[in-house]
Protein backbone atom coordinates (compact mmCIF):
# COMPACT_ATOMS: atom_id res chain seq x y z
CA MET A 1 2.09 5.49 -12.05
CA ILE A 2 -0.60 3.24 -14.12
CA SER A 3 -0.79 4.10 -17.67
CA LYS A 4 -4.21 5.57 -18.67
CA LYS A 5 -4.80 2.83 -21.16
CA SER A 6 -4.29 0.33 -18.53
CA ILE A 7 -6.70 2.00 -16.06
CA LYS A 8 -9.41 1.88 -18.84
CA TRP A 9 -8.42 -1.42 -19.75
CA ILE A 10 -8.97 -2.65 -16.09
CA LYS A 11 -12.35 -0.95 -15.58
CA PHE A 12 -13.81 -2.94 -18.58
CA GLN A 13 -12.77 -6.27 -16.96
CA SER A 14 -14.93 -8.57 -14.55
CA LYS A 15 -15.08 -7.76 -11.02
CA ALA A 16 -12.91 -10.87 -10.51
CA VAL A 17 -10.03 -9.76 -12.82
CA GLN A 18 -10.10 -6.49 -11.38
CA LEU A 19 -9.63 -7.90 -7.80
CA GLN A 20 -7.06 -10.32 -8.94
CA ILE A 21 -4.86 -7.27 -10.78
CA LEU A 22 -5.49 -4.83 -7.88
CA GLU A 23 -4.16 -7.48 -5.32
CA LYS A 24 -1.02 -7.90 -7.52
CA LEU A 25 -0.67 -4.19 -7.76
CA LYS A 26 -1.16 -3.77 -3.83
CA THR A 27 1.66 -6.25 -3.22
CA LEU A 28 3.85 -4.54 -5.57
CA VAL A 29 3.33 -1.02 -4.14
CA SER A 30 3.95 -2.64 -0.84
CA ASP A 31 7.56 -3.54 -1.81
CA ASN A 32 6.89 -7.20 -1.11
CA PHE A 33 8.31 -8.53 -4.38
CA ASP A 34 9.23 -11.90 -2.93
CA SER A 35 5.60 -13.22 -2.96
CA LEU A 36 5.23 -12.06 -6.63
CA ASP A 37 6.24 -14.06 -9.71
CA THR A 38 8.39 -11.27 -10.92
CA LYS A 39 10.79 -11.77 -13.81
CA LYS A 40 13.25 -9.40 -15.60
CA LEU A 41 12.16 -8.93 -19.35
CA ARG A 42 14.75 -9.93 -21.79
CA GLY A 43 15.70 -7.17 -24.23
CA TYR A 44 14.36 -4.27 -22.26
CA ASP A 45 16.70 -2.27 -19.85
CA ASN A 46 15.05 -2.41 -16.23
CA LEU A 47 11.53 -3.79 -17.27
CA PHE A 48 9.76 -6.56 -15.29
CA ARG A 49 6.83 -8.50 -15.52
CA ILE A 50 4.32 -10.17 -13.03
CA ARG A 51 2.09 -13.01 -14.08
CA CYS A 52 -1.62 -12.53 -12.97
CA GLY A 53 -3.40 -15.49 -14.68
CA VAL A 54 -3.78 -14.92 -18.18
CA TYR A 55 -2.69 -11.10 -17.58
CA ARG A 56 0.57 -9.48 -17.19
CA ILE A 57 1.67 -6.44 -15.44
CA VAL A 58 4.74 -4.85 -16.60
CA TYR A 59 6.62 -2.33 -14.68
CA ARG A 60 9.83 -0.20 -14.48
CA PRO A 61 11.26 0.69 -11.03
CA ASN A 62 13.64 3.65 -10.48
CA ASN A 63 16.98 3.65 -8.63
CA GLU A 64 15.28 3.26 -5.32
CA ASN A 65 13.03 0.34 -6.45
CA LYS A 66 9.90 2.46 -6.41
CA ILE A 67 7.62 1.84 -9.17
CA ILE A 68 7.50 4.65 -11.82
CA LYS A 69 5.44 3.21 -14.58
CA VAL A 70 2.87 0.13 -14.87
CA VAL A 71 1.17 -1.35 -17.82
CA VAL A 72 -1.47 -4.11 -17.67
CA GLU A 73 -2.70 -6.10 -20.53
CA HIS A 74 -3.77 -9.81 -21.62
CA ARG A 75 -0.48 -11.70 -22.28
CA ARG A 76 -1.00 -12.02 -25.89
CA ASN A 77 -0.88 -8.18 -26.12
CA ILE A 78 1.32 -6.89 -23.63
CA TYR A 79 4.56 -7.32 -25.34
CA ASN A 80 3.61 -5.49 -28.28
CA LEU A 81 2.00 -2.94 -26.30
CA ILE A 82 5.24 -2.25 -24.21
CA GLN A 83 7.26 -1.93 -27.22
CA ASN A 84 5.22 1.08 -28.17
CA GLN A 85 5.44 2.75 -24.60
CA THR A 86 7.52 5.33 -23.49
CA TRP A 87 9.27 4.09 -20.15
CA SER A 88 11.12 7.31 -19.16
């Protein structure tokens, strides 16, 4: 599930950025994590990030490693944004 704010944000980006982000999201959904630059976020329980140029995709998998929440934003804003998100 991609947050509504992230969907709106993606729509206002250039086509090149949209394609770049959507390609990473497709790879994430296909469970092909090995090809992604995935890193667990310190200070957060079960949150991970993927680099996508100057953008970050932050997600939370459930117990079966299925993605249940995704937030996309510029790297300077993403970490403040995720502090205000509900991740349940």
